[in-house]
N, C-alpha and C. Protein backbone atom coordinates (compact mmCIF):
# COMPACT_ATOMS: atom_id res chain seq x y z
N MET A 1 5.85 -17.17 -12.75
CA MET A 1 6.20 -16.17 -11.77
C MET A 1 6.28 -16.83 -10.40
N SER A 2 7.16 -16.30 -9.59
CA SER A 2 7.28 -16.87 -8.24
C SER A 2 7.49 -15.74 -7.24
N GLY A 3 7.34 -16.08 -5.97
CA GLY A 3 7.55 -15.07 -4.93
C GLY A 3 6.54 -13.95 -5.02
N PHE A 4 7.04 -12.69 -4.98
CA PHE A 4 6.13 -11.56 -4.97
C PHE A 4 5.36 -11.43 -6.28
N MET A 5 5.78 -12.10 -7.34
CA MET A 5 5.09 -12.02 -8.62
C MET A 5 3.83 -12.87 -8.64
N ASP A 6 3.68 -13.80 -7.71
CA ASP A 6 2.51 -14.66 -7.68
C ASP A 6 1.22 -13.88 -7.42
N LYS A 7 1.32 -12.81 -6.69
CA LYS A 7 0.14 -12.05 -6.31
C LYS A 7 0.10 -10.71 -7.05
N GLU A 8 -0.94 -10.54 -7.84
CA GLU A 8 -1.08 -9.29 -8.57
C GLU A 8 -1.34 -8.14 -7.60
N MET A 9 -0.60 -7.07 -7.76
CA MET A 9 -0.78 -5.89 -6.91
C MET A 9 -1.80 -4.95 -7.53
N LEU A 10 -2.55 -4.30 -6.69
CA LEU A 10 -3.45 -3.25 -7.17
C LEU A 10 -2.63 -2.04 -7.56
N PRO A 11 -3.10 -1.27 -8.54
CA PRO A 11 -2.39 -0.05 -8.86
C PRO A 11 -2.47 0.91 -7.67
N PRO A 12 -1.52 1.81 -7.56
CA PRO A 12 -1.48 2.71 -6.39
C PRO A 12 -2.79 3.46 -6.12
N TRP A 13 -3.49 3.90 -7.18
CA TRP A 13 -4.73 4.67 -6.97
C TRP A 13 -5.85 3.84 -6.37
N LEU A 14 -5.78 2.51 -6.50
CA LEU A 14 -6.77 1.65 -5.85
C LEU A 14 -6.28 1.16 -4.49
N ALA A 15 -4.99 0.93 -4.36
CA ALA A 15 -4.45 0.46 -3.09
C ALA A 15 -4.53 1.53 -2.01
N HIS A 16 -4.31 2.79 -2.42
CA HIS A 16 -4.33 3.91 -1.47
C HIS A 16 -5.06 5.09 -2.12
N PRO A 17 -6.38 4.98 -2.26
CA PRO A 17 -7.15 6.01 -2.97
C PRO A 17 -7.12 7.40 -2.32
N SER A 18 -6.74 7.47 -1.07
CA SER A 18 -6.70 8.78 -0.41
C SER A 18 -5.39 9.53 -0.67
N ILE A 19 -4.44 8.89 -1.35
CA ILE A 19 -3.16 9.56 -1.64
C ILE A 19 -3.12 9.91 -3.13
N PRO A 20 -3.22 11.19 -3.48
CA PRO A 20 -3.19 11.58 -4.89
C PRO A 20 -1.78 11.47 -5.48
N LEU A 21 -1.72 11.30 -6.79
CA LEU A 21 -0.44 11.28 -7.49
C LEU A 21 0.30 12.57 -7.23
N GLY A 22 1.58 12.49 -6.90
CA GLY A 22 2.39 13.67 -6.61
C GLY A 22 2.42 14.04 -5.15
N SER A 23 1.62 13.38 -4.34
CA SER A 23 1.54 13.68 -2.91
C SER A 23 2.79 13.20 -2.18
N ALA A 24 3.12 13.88 -1.12
CA ALA A 24 4.21 13.45 -0.25
C ALA A 24 3.90 12.08 0.37
N GLY A 25 2.65 11.70 0.37
CA GLY A 25 2.25 10.40 0.90
C GLY A 25 2.89 9.23 0.16
N TRP A 26 3.34 9.47 -1.08
CA TRP A 26 4.04 8.43 -1.83
C TRP A 26 5.54 8.44 -1.55
N ARG A 27 6.00 9.42 -0.80
CA ARG A 27 7.43 9.52 -0.50
C ARG A 27 7.76 9.25 0.96
N VAL A 28 6.73 9.10 1.78
CA VAL A 28 6.92 8.78 3.20
C VAL A 28 5.81 7.83 3.65
N GLY A 29 6.08 7.05 4.65
CA GLY A 29 5.07 6.20 5.27
C GLY A 29 4.62 5.04 4.42
N HIS A 30 3.36 4.63 4.65
CA HIS A 30 2.84 3.43 3.99
C HIS A 30 2.73 3.58 2.48
N GLY A 31 2.50 4.79 1.99
CA GLY A 31 2.45 5.02 0.55
C GLY A 31 3.79 4.77 -0.11
N GLU A 32 4.86 5.22 0.53
CA GLU A 32 6.21 5.03 -0.02
C GLU A 32 6.54 3.55 -0.14
N LYS A 33 6.25 2.79 0.89
CA LYS A 33 6.52 1.34 0.87
C LYS A 33 5.77 0.68 -0.27
N TYR A 34 4.48 1.01 -0.39
CA TYR A 34 3.69 0.41 -1.46
C TYR A 34 4.20 0.83 -2.82
N TRP A 35 4.53 2.10 -2.99
CA TRP A 35 5.01 2.62 -4.27
C TRP A 35 6.22 1.82 -4.76
N TYR A 36 7.22 1.66 -3.89
CA TYR A 36 8.43 0.94 -4.29
C TYR A 36 8.17 -0.53 -4.56
N GLU A 37 7.30 -1.15 -3.78
CA GLU A 37 6.95 -2.54 -4.03
C GLU A 37 6.22 -2.67 -5.37
N PHE A 38 5.31 -1.74 -5.64
CA PHE A 38 4.57 -1.78 -6.90
C PHE A 38 5.50 -1.58 -8.09
N VAL A 39 6.38 -0.61 -8.02
CA VAL A 39 7.32 -0.35 -9.13
C VAL A 39 8.19 -1.57 -9.39
N ALA A 40 8.68 -2.22 -8.34
CA ALA A 40 9.50 -3.42 -8.50
C ALA A 40 8.68 -4.54 -9.13
N TRP A 41 7.46 -4.72 -8.64
CA TRP A 41 6.58 -5.76 -9.17
C TRP A 41 6.25 -5.49 -10.63
N PHE A 42 5.83 -4.28 -10.94
CA PHE A 42 5.41 -3.92 -12.29
C PHE A 42 6.58 -4.01 -13.27
N SER A 43 7.75 -3.60 -12.85
CA SER A 43 8.90 -3.62 -13.75
C SER A 43 9.32 -5.04 -14.11
N ALA A 44 8.96 -6.01 -13.29
CA ALA A 44 9.30 -7.41 -13.57
C ALA A 44 8.34 -8.06 -14.56
N LEU A 45 7.23 -7.39 -14.88
CA LEU A 45 6.27 -7.93 -15.84
C LEU A 45 6.82 -7.80 -17.25
N SER A 46 6.37 -8.67 -18.13
CA SER A 46 6.73 -8.55 -19.54
C SER A 46 5.93 -7.39 -20.14
N VAL A 47 6.30 -6.97 -21.32
CA VAL A 47 5.58 -5.89 -22.01
C VAL A 47 4.12 -6.28 -22.21
N VAL A 48 3.86 -7.50 -22.59
CA VAL A 48 2.49 -7.98 -22.80
C VAL A 48 1.72 -7.97 -21.48
N GLU A 49 2.34 -8.42 -20.40
CA GLU A 49 1.68 -8.42 -19.09
C GLU A 49 1.39 -6.99 -18.63
N ARG A 50 2.30 -6.08 -18.89
CA ARG A 50 2.08 -4.67 -18.51
C ARG A 50 0.87 -4.09 -19.24
N GLU A 51 0.78 -4.35 -20.54
CA GLU A 51 -0.34 -3.83 -21.32
C GLU A 51 -1.66 -4.43 -20.86
N SER A 52 -1.66 -5.71 -20.57
CA SER A 52 -2.86 -6.37 -20.07
C SER A 52 -3.27 -5.77 -18.73
N TYR A 53 -2.31 -5.52 -17.87
CA TYR A 53 -2.57 -4.93 -16.56
C TYR A 53 -3.19 -3.54 -16.71
N LYS A 54 -2.62 -2.73 -17.61
CA LYS A 54 -3.14 -1.37 -17.83
C LYS A 54 -4.60 -1.41 -18.27
N HIS A 55 -4.97 -2.40 -19.08
CA HIS A 55 -6.36 -2.51 -19.54
C HIS A 55 -7.29 -2.98 -18.44
N ARG A 56 -6.78 -3.82 -17.55
CA ARG A 56 -7.60 -4.30 -16.42
C ARG A 56 -7.85 -3.21 -15.39
N TYR A 57 -6.89 -2.29 -15.26
CA TYR A 57 -6.98 -1.25 -14.23
C TYR A 57 -6.86 0.14 -14.86
N PRO A 58 -7.91 0.61 -15.52
CA PRO A 58 -7.82 1.95 -16.11
C PRO A 58 -7.59 3.00 -15.03
N LYS A 59 -6.73 3.93 -15.32
CA LYS A 59 -6.38 4.96 -14.33
C LYS A 59 -7.37 6.11 -14.38
N PRO A 60 -7.59 6.74 -13.24
CA PRO A 60 -8.45 7.93 -13.22
C PRO A 60 -7.72 9.10 -13.88
N ASP A 61 -8.47 10.10 -14.28
CA ASP A 61 -7.87 11.28 -14.93
C ASP A 61 -6.79 11.92 -14.08
N SER A 62 -6.96 11.89 -12.77
CA SER A 62 -5.98 12.51 -11.88
C SER A 62 -4.63 11.79 -11.89
N TRP A 63 -4.59 10.60 -12.48
CA TRP A 63 -3.34 9.83 -12.58
C TRP A 63 -2.86 9.78 -14.03
N LYS A 64 -3.27 10.72 -14.82
CA LYS A 64 -2.97 10.78 -16.25
C LYS A 64 -1.48 10.58 -16.56
N LEU A 65 -0.61 11.13 -15.76
CA LEU A 65 0.83 11.07 -16.02
C LEU A 65 1.51 9.81 -15.49
N PHE A 66 0.77 8.91 -14.88
CA PHE A 66 1.39 7.75 -14.26
C PHE A 66 2.00 6.78 -15.27
N TRP A 67 1.24 6.28 -16.22
CA TRP A 67 1.78 5.28 -17.15
C TRP A 67 2.90 5.81 -18.03
N PRO A 68 2.87 7.06 -18.46
CA PRO A 68 4.04 7.53 -19.23
C PRO A 68 5.33 7.49 -18.40
N TYR A 69 5.22 7.52 -17.09
CA TYR A 69 6.42 7.47 -16.25
C TYR A 69 6.82 6.04 -15.91
N VAL A 70 5.84 5.21 -15.67
CA VAL A 70 6.11 3.82 -15.29
C VAL A 70 5.60 2.91 -16.40
N PRO A 71 6.37 2.09 -17.04
CA PRO A 71 7.78 1.81 -16.82
C PRO A 71 8.71 2.48 -17.83
N GLU A 72 8.18 3.31 -18.73
CA GLU A 72 9.02 3.84 -19.79
C GLU A 72 10.30 4.50 -19.26
N LYS A 73 10.23 5.18 -18.12
CA LYS A 73 11.41 5.81 -17.55
C LYS A 73 11.93 5.03 -16.34
N LEU A 74 11.37 3.87 -16.13
CA LEU A 74 11.72 3.08 -14.95
C LEU A 74 13.17 2.64 -14.95
N ASP A 75 13.67 2.21 -16.11
CA ASP A 75 15.06 1.78 -16.18
C ASP A 75 16.01 2.91 -15.79
N GLU A 76 15.73 4.12 -16.28
CA GLU A 76 16.55 5.28 -15.91
C GLU A 76 16.48 5.53 -14.41
N TYR A 77 15.26 5.46 -13.87
CA TYR A 77 15.07 5.72 -12.44
C TYR A 77 15.83 4.71 -11.59
N LEU A 78 15.70 3.44 -11.94
CA LEU A 78 16.34 2.40 -11.14
C LEU A 78 17.86 2.43 -11.26
N SER A 79 18.37 2.94 -12.38
CA SER A 79 19.82 3.01 -12.55
C SER A 79 20.39 4.32 -12.04
N GLY A 80 19.52 5.22 -11.55
CA GLY A 80 19.97 6.48 -10.98
C GLY A 80 20.27 7.56 -12.00
N ASN A 81 19.79 7.40 -13.24
CA ASN A 81 20.05 8.38 -14.29
C ASN A 81 18.88 9.32 -14.54
N ALA A 82 17.80 9.18 -13.80
CA ALA A 82 16.63 10.01 -14.04
C ALA A 82 16.77 11.35 -13.36
């Protein structure tokens, strides 16, 4: 990995614990910037790397719907078909 892939990013719930999933904070301001950077970073991981990452950073119950959305629907989202 090179560039932005060299540094593992924290999952959104750890990077910005005060912004709950579904909040407008992920669509504006510092949360939005982090969200898009995280999605780009995570989508570049291999399937094995993604699974390893998920095990290292278990999500809280309030983020239950996060992994089913990222990356399974990520390709649709990035191509504008979601």
